[in-house]
Amino acid sequence: EEMKVETLTMNQIKEKVDDSVKVSGVDIGGITGVSLDKATYVARIDMCISKDIKLPIDSSALITSSGVIGSEFVSISSGSGTKLISKGGKIEYTQAEANVGGIIDKILGMFTK
């Protein structure tokens, strides 16, 4: 089932094809593409989700990692609504996680000036 996630922050988007998509830490699919909507300049991630997974339309997505140096993945928090995202639908709600690498670079930069 093809699903799209939009509006993730640009500093978190990099080549993520083949990265996993998880709900509650369990793999439910993978990323099939990353692109930029040239009309809105919003990053878009295309995902393939297992057919047996039904996500409410108020679900949210977050690019996160399994630890400070762990691999990144898309984590989906299932919503509580009764209406489900249809094939080809979008996860409208996205969240930005702090970029740990960027924060460490800023801290190190303070000590090297």
PDB file of N, CA and C in Angstrom:
ATOM      1  N   GLU A   1       0.850  -1.172   0.000  1.00  0.00           N
ATOM      2  CA  GLU A   1       0.000   0.000   0.000  1.00  0.00           C
ATOM      3  C   GLU A   1       0.894   1.233   0.000  1.00  0.00           C
ATOM      4  N   GLU A   2       0.739   2.103  -0.964  1.00  0.00           N
ATOM      5  CA  GLU A   2       1.565   3.306  -1.048  1.00  0.00           C
ATOM      6  C   GLU A   2       0.970   4.393  -0.162  1.00  0.00           C
ATOM      7  N   MET A   3       1.810   5.047   0.625  1.00  0.00           N
ATOM      8  CA  MET A   3       1.375   6.118   1.503  1.00  0.00           C
ATOM      9  C   MET A   3       2.403   7.235   1.423  1.00  0.00           C
ATOM     10  N   LYS A   4       1.978   8.469   1.585  1.00  0.00           N
ATOM     11  CA  LYS A   4       2.886   9.601   1.485  1.00  0.00           C
ATOM     12  C   LYS A   4       2.935  10.363   2.799  1.00  0.00           C
ATOM     13  N   VAL A   5       4.113  10.873   3.132  1.00  0.00           N
ATOM     14  CA  VAL A   5       4.295  11.740   4.290  1.00  0.00           C
ATOM     15  C   VAL A   5       4.872  13.035   3.765  1.00  0.00           C
ATOM     16  N   GLU A   6       4.295  14.147   4.143  1.00  0.00           N
ATOM     17  CA  GLU A   6       4.799  15.442   3.697  1.00  0.00           C
ATOM     18  C   GLU A   6       5.066  16.348   4.886  1.00  0.00           C
ATOM     19  N   THR A   7       5.791  17.428   4.637  1.00  0.00           N
ATOM     20  CA  THR A   7       6.091  18.509   5.576  1.00  0.00           C
ATOM     21  C   THR A   7       7.119  18.161   6.644  1.00  0.00           C
ATOM     22  N   LEU A   8       7.954  17.179   6.430  1.00  0.00           N
ATOM     23  CA  LEU A   8       9.056  16.943   7.348  1.00  0.00           C
ATOM     24  C   LEU A   8      10.119  18.004   7.104  1.00  0.00           C
ATOM     25  N   THR A   9      10.851  18.394   8.141  1.00  0.00           N
ATOM     26  CA  THR A   9      11.820  19.468   8.001  1.00  0.00           C
ATOM     27  C   THR A   9      12.962  19.062   7.080  1.00  0.00           C
ATOM     28  N   MET A  10      13.442  20.012   6.304  1.00  0.00           N
ATOM     29  CA  MET A  10      14.457  19.728   5.287  1.00  0.00           C
ATOM     30  C   MET A  10      15.758  19.198   5.877  1.00  0.00           C
ATOM     31  N   ASN A  11      16.164  19.668   7.073  1.00  0.00           N
ATOM     32  CA  ASN A  11      17.447  19.195   7.603  1.00  0.00           C
ATOM     33  C   ASN A  11      17.383  17.733   8.025  1.00  0.00           C
ATOM     34  N   GLN A  12      16.207  17.149   8.060  1.00  0.00           N
ATOM     35  CA  GLN A  12      16.097  15.735   8.403  1.00  0.00           C
ATOM     36  C   GLN A  12      15.977  14.854   7.174  1.00  0.00           C
ATOM     37  N   ILE A  13      15.752  15.456   6.020  1.00  0.00           N
ATOM     38  CA  ILE A  13      15.574  14.672   4.806  1.00  0.00           C
ATOM     39  C   ILE A  13      16.934  14.437   4.166  1.00  0.00           C
ATOM     40  N   LYS A  14      17.266  13.205   3.982  1.00  0.00           N
ATOM     41  CA  LYS A  14      18.420  12.821   3.193  1.00  0.00           C
ATOM     42  C   LYS A  14      18.009  11.560   2.472  1.00  0.00           C
ATOM     43  N   GLU A  15      18.874  10.979   1.744  1.00  0.00           N
ATOM     44  CA  GLU A  15      18.486   9.786   0.987  1.00  0.00           C
ATOM     45  C   GLU A  15      18.099   8.680   1.960  1.00  0.00           C
ATOM     46  N   LYS A  16      16.826   8.405   2.064  1.00  0.00           N
ATOM     47  CA  LYS A  16      16.315   7.444   3.028  1.00  0.00           C
ATOM     48  C   LYS A  16      15.684   6.226   2.376  1.00  0.00           C
ATOM     49  N   VAL A  17      15.817   6.086   1.073  1.00  0.00           N
ATOM     50  CA  VAL A  17      15.229   4.933   0.400  1.00  0.00           C
ATOM     51  C   VAL A  17      15.775   3.656   1.039  1.00  0.00           C
ATOM     52  N   ASP A  18      14.907   2.721   1.296  1.00  0.00           N
ATOM     53  CA  ASP A  18      15.190   1.442   1.958  1.00  0.00           C
ATOM     54  C   ASP A  18      15.240   1.543   3.482  1.00  0.00           C
ATOM     55  N   ASP A  19      15.127   2.752   4.057  1.00  0.00           N
ATOM     56  CA  ASP A  19      15.022   2.850   5.509  1.00  0.00           C
ATOM     57  C   ASP A  19      13.669   2.291   5.929  1.00  0.00           C
ATOM     58  N   SER A  20      13.551   1.903   7.182  1.00  0.00           N
ATOM     59  CA  SER A  20      12.318   1.256   7.625  1.00  0.00           C
ATOM     60  C   SER A  20      11.283   2.244   8.151  1.00  0.00           C
ATOM     61  N   VAL A  21      10.055   1.774   8.194  1.00  0.00           N
ATOM     62  CA  VAL A  21       8.921   2.498   8.752  1.00  0.00           C
ATOM     63  C   VAL A  21       8.396   1.627   9.882  1.00  0.00           C
ATOM     64  N   LYS A  22       8.203   2.228  11.073  1.00  0.00           N
ATOM     65  CA  LYS A  22       7.825   1.439  12.245  1.00  0.00           C
ATOM     66  C   LYS A  22       6.648   2.064  12.984  1.00  0.00           C
ATOM     67  N   VAL A  23       5.887   1.213  13.640  1.00  0.00           N
ATOM     68  CA  VAL A  23       4.872   1.618  14.610  1.00  0.00           C
ATOM     69  C   VAL A  23       5.208   0.875  15.896  1.00  0.00           C
ATOM     70  N   SER A  24       5.359   1.602  16.988  1.00  0.00           N
ATOM     71  CA  SER A  24       5.715   0.995  18.288  1.00  0.00           C
ATOM     72  C   SER A  24       6.968   0.128  18.191  1.00  0.00           C
ATOM     73  N   GLY A  25       7.926   0.541  17.369  1.00  0.00           N
ATOM     74  CA  GLY A  25       9.183  -0.176  17.221  1.00  0.00           C
ATOM     75  C   GLY A  25       9.144  -1.385  16.314  1.00  0.00           C
ATOM     76  N   VAL A  26       7.984  -1.680  15.729  1.00  0.00           N
ATOM     77  CA  VAL A  26       7.831  -2.855  14.867  1.00  0.00           C
ATOM     78  C   VAL A  26       7.811  -2.417  13.405  1.00  0.00           C
ATOM     79  N   ASP A  27       8.629  -3.078  12.567  1.00  0.00           N
ATOM     80  CA  ASP A  27       8.661  -2.757  11.136  1.00  0.00           C
ATOM     81  C   ASP A  27       7.306  -3.025  10.500  1.00  0.00           C
ATOM     82  N   ILE A  28       6.799  -2.011   9.764  1.00  0.00           N
ATOM     83  CA  ILE A  28       5.534  -2.190   9.039  1.00  0.00           C
ATOM     84  C   ILE A  28       5.685  -1.869   7.561  1.00  0.00           C
ATOM     85  N   GLY A  29       6.892  -1.460   7.153  1.00  0.00           N
ATOM     86  CA  GLY A  29       7.099  -1.111   5.752  1.00  0.00           C
ATOM     87  C   GLY A  29       8.444  -0.451   5.545  1.00  0.00           C
ATOM     88  N   GLY A  30       8.575   0.208   4.396  1.00  0.00           N
ATOM     89  CA  GLY A  30       9.831   0.859   4.055  1.00  0.00           C
ATOM     90  C   GLY A  30       9.615   2.106   3.225  1.00  0.00           C
ATOM     91  N   ILE A  31      10.660   2.902   3.125  1.00  0.00           N
ATOM     92  CA  ILE A  31      10.631   4.128   2.331  1.00  0.00           C
ATOM     93  C   ILE A  31      10.968   3.774   0.889  1.00  0.00           C
ATOM     94  N   THR A  32      10.142   4.230  -0.036  1.00  0.00           N
ATOM     95  CA  THR A  32      10.347   3.918  -1.450  1.00  0.00           C
ATOM     96  C   THR A  32      10.848   5.107  -2.254  1.00  0.00           C
ATOM     97  N   GLY A  33      10.786   6.302  -1.684  1.00  0.00           N
ATOM     98  CA  GLY A  33      11.261   7.464  -2.419  1.00  0.00           C
ATOM     99  C   GLY A  33      11.251   8.724  -1.578  1.00  0.00           C
ATOM    100  N   VAL A  34      12.134   9.655  -1.944  1.00  0.00           N
ATOM    101  CA  VAL A  34      12.210  10.966  -1.305  1.00  0.00           C
ATOM    102  C   VAL A  34      12.243  11.991  -2.416  1.00  0.00           C
ATOM    103  N   SER A  35      11.388  13.008  -2.322  1.00  0.00           N
ATOM    104  CA  SER A  35      11.346  14.022  -3.377  1.00  0.00           C
ATOM    105  C   SER A  35      10.951  15.372  -2.797  1.00  0.00           C
ATOM    106  N   LEU A  36      10.981  16.378  -3.643  1.00  0.00           N
ATOM    107  CA  LEU A  36      10.599  17.730  -3.256  1.00  0.00           C
ATOM    108  C   LEU A  36       9.438  18.165  -4.127  1.00  0.00           C
ATOM    109  N   ASP A  37       8.354  18.605  -3.504  1.00  0.00           N
ATOM    110  CA  ASP A  37       7.215  19.146  -4.246  1.00  0.00           C
ATOM    111  C   ASP A  37       7.634  20.515  -4.766  1.00  0.00           C
ATOM    112  N   LYS A  38       7.793  20.644  -6.078  1.00  0.00           N
ATOM    113  CA  LYS A  38       8.317  21.877  -6.659  1.00  0.00           C
ATOM    114  C   LYS A  38       7.333  23.040  -6.592  1.00  0.00           C
ATOM    115  N   ALA A  39       6.066  22.759  -6.325  1.00  0.00           N
ATOM    116  CA  ALA A  39       5.074  23.830  -6.180  1.00  0.00           C
ATOM    117  C   ALA A  39       5.106  24.422  -4.773  1.00  0.00           C
ATOM    118  N   THR A  40       5.310  23.574  -3.766  1.00  0.00           N
ATOM    119  CA  THR A  40       5.267  24.045  -2.376  1.00  0.00           C
ATOM    120  C   THR A  40       6.639  24.036  -1.697  1.00  0.00           C
ATOM    121  N   TYR A  41       7.628  23.409  -2.327  1.00  0.00           N
ATOM    122  CA  TYR A  41       8.967  23.234  -1.755  1.00  0.00           C
ATOM    123  C   TYR A  41       8.924  22.503  -0.414  1.00  0.00           C
ATOM    124  N   VAL A  42       8.025  21.563  -0.320  1.00  0.00           N
ATOM    125  CA  VAL A  42       7.907  20.717   0.863  1.00  0.00           C
ATOM    126  C   VAL A  42       8.468  19.344   0.517  1.00  0.00           C
ATOM    127  N   ALA A  43       9.301  18.823   1.413  1.00  0.00           N
ATOM    128  CA  ALA A  43       9.871  17.495   1.201  1.00  0.00           C
ATOM    129  C   ALA A  43       8.783  16.444   1.328  1.00  0.00           C
ATOM    130  N   ARG A  44       8.921  15.382   0.563  1.00  0.00           N
ATOM    131  CA  ARG A  44       7.936  14.303   0.574  1.00  0.00           C
ATOM    132  C   ARG A  44       8.666  12.965   0.662  1.00  0.00           C
ATOM    133  N   ILE A  45       8.156  12.089   1.490  1.00  0.00           N
ATOM    134  CA  ILE A  45       8.684  10.731   1.608  1.00  0.00           C
ATOM    135  C   ILE A  45       7.570   9.777   1.213  1.00  0.00           C
ATOM    136  N   ASP A  46       7.842   8.896   0.263  1.00  0.00           N
ATOM    137  CA  ASP A  46       6.877   7.869  -0.129  1.00  0.00           C
ATOM    138  C   ASP A  46       7.238   6.577   0.601  1.00  0.00           C
ATOM    139  N   MET A  47       6.227   5.932   1.144  1.00  0.00           N
ATOM    140  CA  MET A  47       6.436   4.708   1.907  1.00  0.00           C
ATOM    141  C   MET A  47       5.522   3.610   1.390  1.00  0.00           C
ATOM    142  N   CYS A  48       5.966   2.388   1.538  1.00  0.00           N
ATOM    143  CA  CYS A  48       5.127   1.229   1.244  1.00  0.00           C
ATOM    144  C   CYS A  48       4.841   0.571   2.594  1.00  0.00           C
ATOM    145  N   ILE A  49       3.557   0.546   2.960  1.00  0.00           N
ATOM    146  CA  ILE A  49       3.128   0.010   4.248  1.00  0.00           C
ATOM    147  C   ILE A  49       2.441  -1.335   4.015  1.00  0.00           C
ATOM    148  N   SER A  50       2.691  -2.275   4.895  1.00  0.00           N
ATOM    149  CA  SER A  50       2.062  -3.591   4.807  1.00  0.00           C
ATOM    150  C   SER A  50       0.540  -3.457   4.698  1.00  0.00           C
ATOM    151  N   LYS A  51      -0.071  -4.245   3.804  1.00  0.00           N
ATOM    152  CA  LYS A  51      -1.517  -4.163   3.537  1.00  0.00           C
ATOM    153  C   LYS A  51      -2.377  -4.375   4.772  1.00  0.00           C
ATOM    154  N   ASP A  52      -1.891  -5.167   5.710  1.00  0.00           N
ATOM    155  CA  ASP A  52      -2.714  -5.465   6.887  1.00  0.00           C
ATOM    156  C   ASP A  52      -2.656  -4.383   7.969  1.00  0.00           C
ATOM    157  N   ILE A  53      -1.877  -3.327   7.745  1.00  0.00           N
ATOM    158  CA  ILE A  53      -1.784  -2.216   8.695  1.00  0.00           C
ATOM    159  C   ILE A  53      -2.780  -1.142   8.293  1.00  0.00           C
ATOM    160  N   LYS A  54      -3.670  -0.805   9.185  1.00  0.00           N
ATOM    161  CA  LYS A  54      -4.685   0.228   8.948  1.00  0.00           C
ATOM    162  C   LYS A  54      -4.397   1.394   9.890  1.00  0.00           C
ATOM    163  N   LEU A  55      -4.027   2.542   9.320  1.00  0.00           N
ATOM    164  CA  LEU A  55      -3.672   3.703  10.130  1.00  0.00           C
ATOM    165  C   LEU A  55      -4.768   4.758  10.089  1.00  0.00           C
ATOM    166  N   PRO A  56      -5.191   5.268  11.252  1.00  0.00           N
ATOM    167  CA  PRO A  56      -6.167   6.350  11.281  1.00  0.00           C
ATOM    168  C   PRO A  56      -5.600   7.619  10.637  1.00  0.00           C
ATOM    169  N   ILE A  57      -6.475   8.462  10.083  1.00  0.00           N
ATOM    170  CA  ILE A  57      -6.003   9.666   9.386  1.00  0.00           C
ATOM    171  C   ILE A  57      -5.336  10.670  10.318  1.00  0.00           C
ATOM    172  N   ASP A  58      -5.542  10.561  11.618  1.00  0.00           N
ATOM    173  CA  ASP A  58      -4.874  11.480  12.540  1.00  0.00           C
ATOM    174  C   ASP A  58      -3.553  10.915  13.073  1.00  0.00           C
ATOM    175  N   SER A  59      -3.003   9.911  12.400  1.00  0.00           N
ATOM    176  CA  SER A  59      -1.683   9.381  12.761  1.00  0.00           C
ATOM    177  C   SER A  59      -0.625  10.425  12.437  1.00  0.00           C
ATOM    178  N   SER A  60       0.533  10.328  13.094  1.00  0.00           N
ATOM    179  CA  SER A  60       1.614  11.276  12.821  1.00  0.00           C
ATOM    180  C   SER A  60       2.904  10.519  12.531  1.00  0.00           C
ATOM    181  N   ALA A  61       3.826  11.199  11.842  1.00  0.00           N
ATOM    182  CA  ALA A  61       5.098  10.584  11.450  1.00  0.00           C
ATOM    183  C   ALA A  61       6.255  11.432  11.950  1.00  0.00           C
ATOM    184  N   LEU A  62       7.357  10.763  12.253  1.00  0.00           N
ATOM    185  CA  LEU A  62       8.547  11.405  12.784  1.00  0.00           C
ATOM    186  C   LEU A  62       9.766  10.645  12.286  1.00  0.00           C
ATOM    187  N   ILE A  63      10.771  11.366  11.800  1.00  0.00           N
ATOM    188  CA  ILE A  63      12.049  10.723  11.484  1.00  0.00           C
ATOM    189  C   ILE A  63      12.839  10.703  12.779  1.00  0.00           C
ATOM    190  N   THR A  64      13.229   9.517  13.207  1.00  0.00           N
ATOM    191  CA  THR A  64      13.926   9.371  14.477  1.00  0.00           C
ATOM    192  C   THR A  64      15.040   8.338  14.322  1.00  0.00           C
ATOM    193  N   SER A  65      15.755   8.061  15.388  1.00  0.00           N
ATOM    194  CA  SER A  65      16.813   7.053  15.325  1.00  0.00           C
ATOM    195  C   SER A  65      16.709   6.138  16.533  1.00  0.00           C
ATOM    196  N   SER A  66      17.385   5.011  16.439  1.00  0.00           N
ATOM    197  CA  SER A  66      17.332   4.028  17.516  1.00  0.00           C
ATOM    198  C   SER A  66      18.343   4.324  18.616  1.00  0.00           C
ATOM    199  N   GLY A  67      19.005   5.447  18.549  1.00  0.00           N
ATOM    200  CA  GLY A  67      19.975   5.857  19.555  1.00  0.00           C
ATOM    201  C   GLY A  67      20.796   7.006  19.016  1.00  0.00           C
ATOM    202  N   VAL A  68      21.752   7.475  19.793  1.00  0.00           N
ATOM    203  CA  VAL A  68      22.562   8.612  19.368  1.00  0.00           C
ATOM    204  C   VAL A  68      23.274   8.322  18.057  1.00  0.00           C
ATOM    205  N   ILE A  69      23.782   7.109  17.898  1.00  0.00           N
ATOM    206  CA  ILE A  69      24.463   6.768  16.648  1.00  0.00           C
ATOM    207  C   ILE A  69      23.727   5.672  15.882  1.00  0.00           C
ATOM    208  N   GLY A  70      22.476   5.428  16.256  1.00  0.00           N
ATOM    209  CA  GLY A  70      21.691   4.378  15.603  1.00  0.00           C
ATOM    210  C   GLY A  70      21.173   4.801  14.241  1.00  0.00           C
ATOM    211  N   SER A  71      20.671   3.843  13.495  1.00  0.00           N
ATOM    212  CA  SER A  71      20.129   4.139  12.172  1.00  0.00           C
ATOM    213  C   SER A  71      18.800   4.876  12.305  1.00  0.00           C
ATOM    214  N   GLU A  72      18.494   5.699  11.298  1.00  0.00           N
ATOM    215  CA  GLU A  72      17.256   6.468  11.311  1.00  0.00           C
ATOM    216  C   GLU A  72      16.127   5.685  10.659  1.00  0.00           C
ATOM    217  N   PHE A  73      14.906   6.008  11.041  1.00  0.00           N
ATOM    218  CA  PHE A  73      13.721   5.392  10.461  1.00  0.00           C
ATOM    219  C   PHE A  73      12.544   6.333  10.650  1.00  0.00           C
ATOM    220  N   VAL A  74      11.454   6.054   9.963  1.00  0.00           N
ATOM    221  CA  VAL A  74      10.227   6.817  10.145  1.00  0.00           C
ATOM    222  C   VAL A  74       9.399   6.093  11.194  1.00  0.00           C
ATOM    223  N   SER A  75       9.067   6.799  12.256  1.00  0.00           N
ATOM    224  CA  SER A  75       8.234   6.248  13.314  1.00  0.00           C
ATOM    225  C   SER A  75       6.838   6.845  13.177  1.00  0.00           C
ATOM    226  N   ILE A  76       5.842   5.990  13.097  1.00  0.00           N
ATOM    227  CA  ILE A  76       4.461   6.449  12.975  1.00  0.00           C
ATOM    228  C   ILE A  76       3.748   6.207  14.297  1.00  0.00           C
ATOM    229  N   SER A  77       3.133   7.271  14.810  1.00  0.00           N
ATOM    230  CA  SER A  77       2.285   7.157  15.997  1.00  0.00           C
ATOM    231  C   SER A  77       0.857   7.042  15.512  1.00  0.00           C
ATOM    232  N   SER A  78       0.229   5.938  15.829  1.00  0.00           N
ATOM    233  CA  SER A  78      -1.133   5.698  15.376  1.00  0.00           C
ATOM    234  C   SER A  78      -2.095   6.659  16.059  1.00  0.00           C
ATOM    235  N   GLY A  79      -2.972   7.243  15.267  1.00  0.00           N
ATOM    236  CA  GLY A  79      -3.982   8.144  15.806  1.00  0.00           C
ATOM    237  C   GLY A  79      -5.122   7.363  16.432  1.00  0.00           C
ATOM    238  N   SER A  80      -6.143   8.094  16.854  1.00  0.00           N
ATOM    239  CA  SER A  80      -7.279   7.440  17.512  1.00  0.00           C
ATOM    240  C   SER A  80      -8.575   7.573  16.718  1.00  0.00           C
ATOM    241  N   GLY A  81      -8.498   8.213  15.547  1.00  0.00           N
ATOM    242  CA  GLY A  81      -9.697   8.399  14.734  1.00  0.00           C
ATOM    243  C   GLY A  81     -10.213   7.099  14.146  1.00  0.00           C
ATOM    244  N   THR A  82     -11.442   7.141  13.677  1.00  0.00           N
ATOM    245  CA  THR A  82     -12.039   5.944  13.082  1.00  0.00           C
ATOM    246  C   THR A  82     -11.865   5.906  11.568  1.00  0.00           C
ATOM    247  N   LYS A  83     -11.654   7.066  10.944  1.00  0.00           N
ATOM    248  CA  LYS A  83     -11.427   7.110   9.498  1.00  0.00           C
ATOM    249  C   LYS A  83      -9.971   6.732   9.231  1.00  0.00           C
ATOM    250  N   LEU A  84      -9.753   5.870   8.232  1.00  0.00           N
ATOM    251  CA  LEU A  84      -8.416   5.349   7.947  1.00  0.00           C
ATOM    252  C   LEU A  84      -7.792   6.019   6.732  1.00  0.00           C
ATOM    253  N   ILE A  85      -6.452   6.035   6.705  1.00  0.00           N
ATOM    254  CA  ILE A  85      -5.722   6.535   5.543  1.00  0.00           C
ATOM    255  C   ILE A  85      -5.898   5.522   4.425  1.00  0.00           C
ATOM    256  N   SER A  86      -6.297   5.992   3.267  1.00  0.00           N
ATOM    257  CA  SER A  86      -6.506   5.087   2.137  1.00  0.00           C
ATOM    258  C   SER A  86      -5.218   4.917   1.342  1.00  0.00           C
ATOM    259  N   LYS A  87      -5.200   3.923   0.471  1.00  0.00           N
ATOM    260  CA  LYS A  87      -4.046   3.681  -0.398  1.00  0.00           C
ATOM    261  C   LYS A  87      -3.747   4.960  -1.171  1.00  0.00           C
ATOM    262  N   GLY A  88      -2.481   5.385  -1.175  1.00  0.00           N
ATOM    263  CA  GLY A  88      -2.088   6.620  -1.841  1.00  0.00           C
ATOM    264  C   GLY A  88      -2.350   7.860  -1.007  1.00  0.00           C
ATOM    265  N   GLY A  89      -2.843   7.674   0.222  1.00  0.00           N
ATOM    266  CA  GLY A  89      -3.163   8.805   1.089  1.00  0.00           C
ATOM    267  C   GLY A  89      -1.936   9.403   1.755  1.00  0.00           C
ATOM    268  N   LYS A  90      -2.169  10.441   2.557  1.00  0.00           N
ATOM    269  CA  LYS A  90      -1.081  11.163   3.215  1.00  0.00           C
ATOM    270  C   LYS A  90      -1.205  11.098   4.727  1.00  0.00           C
ATOM    271  N   ILE A  91      -0.065  11.123   5.385  1.00  0.00           N
ATOM    272  CA  ILE A  91      -0.021  11.373   6.819  1.00  0.00           C
ATOM    273  C   ILE A  91       0.205  12.872   6.935  1.00  0.00           C
ATOM    274  N   GLU A  92      -0.817  13.579   7.358  1.00  0.00           N
ATOM    275  CA  GLU A  92      -0.776  15.042   7.394  1.00  0.00           C
ATOM    276  C   GLU A  92       0.035  15.575   8.569  1.00  0.00           C
ATOM    277  N   TYR A  93       0.028  14.860   9.672  1.00  0.00           N
ATOM    278  CA  TYR A  93       0.686  15.343  10.881  1.00  0.00           C
ATOM    279  C   TYR A  93       2.111  14.810  10.945  1.00  0.00           C
ATOM    280  N   THR A  94       3.065  15.719  10.984  1.00  0.00           N
ATOM    281  CA  THR A  94       4.468  15.321  11.092  1.00  0.00           C
ATOM    282  C   THR A  94       5.104  16.058  12.252  1.00  0.00           C
ATOM    283  N   GLN A  95       6.164  15.479  12.766  1.00  0.00           N
ATOM    284  CA  GLN A  95       6.872  16.063  13.889  1.00  0.00           C
ATOM    285  C   GLN A  95       8.347  16.119  13.544  1.00  0.00           C
ATOM    286  N   ALA A  96       9.030  17.068  14.124  1.00  0.00           N
ATOM    287  CA  ALA A  96      10.474  17.179  13.929  1.00  0.00           C
ATOM    288  C   ALA A  96      11.166  16.812  15.228  1.00  0.00           C
ATOM    289  N   GLU A  97      12.095  15.884  15.147  1.00  0.00           N
ATOM    290  CA  GLU A  97      12.886  15.518  16.315  1.00  0.00           C
ATOM    291  C   GLU A  97      14.165  16.329  16.283  1.00  0.00           C
ATOM    292  N   ALA A  98      14.683  16.669  17.445  1.00  0.00           N
ATOM    293  CA  ALA A  98      15.938  17.415  17.506  1.00  0.00           C
ATOM    294  C   ALA A  98      17.033  16.644  16.781  1.00  0.00           C
ATOM    295  N   ASN A  99      17.816  17.350  15.996  1.00  0.00           N
ATOM    296  CA  ASN A  99      18.927  16.753  15.269  1.00  0.00           C
ATOM    297  C   ASN A  99      20.124  16.686  16.212  1.00  0.00           C
ATOM    298  N   VAL A 100      20.378  15.520  16.791  1.00  0.00           N
ATOM    299  CA  VAL A 100      21.426  15.358  17.793  1.00  0.00           C
ATOM    300  C   VAL A 100      22.787  15.738  17.231  1.00  0.00           C
ATOM    301  N   GLY A 101      23.076  15.330  16.013  1.00  0.00           N
ATOM    302  CA  GLY A 101      24.364  15.674  15.399  1.00  0.00           C
ATOM    303  C   GLY A 101      24.548  17.174  15.288  1.00  0.00           C
ATOM    304  N   GLY A 102      23.499  17.887  14.904  1.00  0.00           N
ATOM    305  CA  GLY A 102      23.561  19.344  14.793  1.00  0.00           C
ATOM    306  C   GLY A 102      23.769  20.008  16.139  1.00  0.00           C
ATOM    307  N   ILE A 103      23.122  19.491  17.169  1.00  0.00           N
ATOM    308  CA  ILE A 103      23.277  20.042  18.516  1.00  0.00           C
ATOM    309  C   ILE A 103      24.702  19.833  19.010  1.00  0.00           C
ATOM    310  N   ILE A 104      25.251  18.640  18.794  1.00  0.00           N
ATOM    311  CA  ILE A 104      26.633  18.357  19.213  1.00  0.00           C
ATOM    312  C   ILE A 104      27.601  19.275  18.476  1.00  0.00           C
ATOM    313  N   ASP A 105      27.402  19.489  17.166  1.00  0.00           N
ATOM    314  CA  ASP A 105      28.256  20.397  16.399  1.00  0.00           C
ATOM    315  C   ASP A 105      28.221  21.805  16.979  1.00  0.00           C
ATOM    316  N   LYS A 106      27.049  22.287  17.375  1.00  0.00           N
ATOM    317  CA  LYS A 106      26.930  23.629  17.956  1.00  0.00           C
ATOM    318  C   LYS A 106      27.665  23.712  19.283  1.00  0.00           C
ATOM    319  N   ILE A 107      27.524  22.685  20.117  1.00  0.00           N
ATOM    320  CA  ILE A 107      28.205  22.676  21.416  1.00  0.00           C
ATOM    321  C   ILE A 107      29.715  22.657  21.214  1.00  0.00           C
ATOM    322  N   LEU A 108      30.207  21.800  20.315  1.00  0.00           N
ATOM    323  CA  LEU A 108      31.647  21.741  20.047  1.00  0.00           C
ATOM    324  C   LEU A 108      32.143  23.055  19.480  1.00  0.00           C
ATOM    325  N   GLY A 109      31.326  23.703  18.655  1.00  0.00           N
ATOM    326  CA  GLY A 109      31.692  24.992  18.075  1.00  0.00           C
ATOM    327  C   GLY A 109      31.890  26.059  19.130  1.00  0.00           C
ATOM    328  N   MET A 110      31.145  26.000  20.219  1.00  0.00           N
ATOM    329  CA  MET A 110      31.280  26.985  21.297  1.00  0.00           C
ATOM    330  C   MET A 110      32.640  26.863  21.969  1.00  0.00           C
ATOM    331  N   PHE A 111      33.205  25.665  21.996  1.00  0.00           N
ATOM    332  CA  PHE A 111      34.483  25.456  22.665  1.00  0.00           C
ATOM    333  C   PHE A 111      35.682  25.672  21.750  1.00  0.00           C
ATOM    334  N   THR A 112      35.455  25.787  20.460  1.00  0.00           N
ATOM    335  CA  THR A 112      36.580  25.956  19.534  1.00  0.00           C
ATOM    336  C   THR A 112      36.757  27.398  19.096  1.00  0.00           C
ATOM    337  N   LYS A 113      35.922  28.291  19.579  1.00  0.00           N
ATOM    338  CA  LYS A 113      36.040  29.714  19.196  1.00  0.00           C
ATOM    339  C   LYS A 113      37.044  30.428  20.045  1.00  0.00           C
TER     340      LYS A 113
END
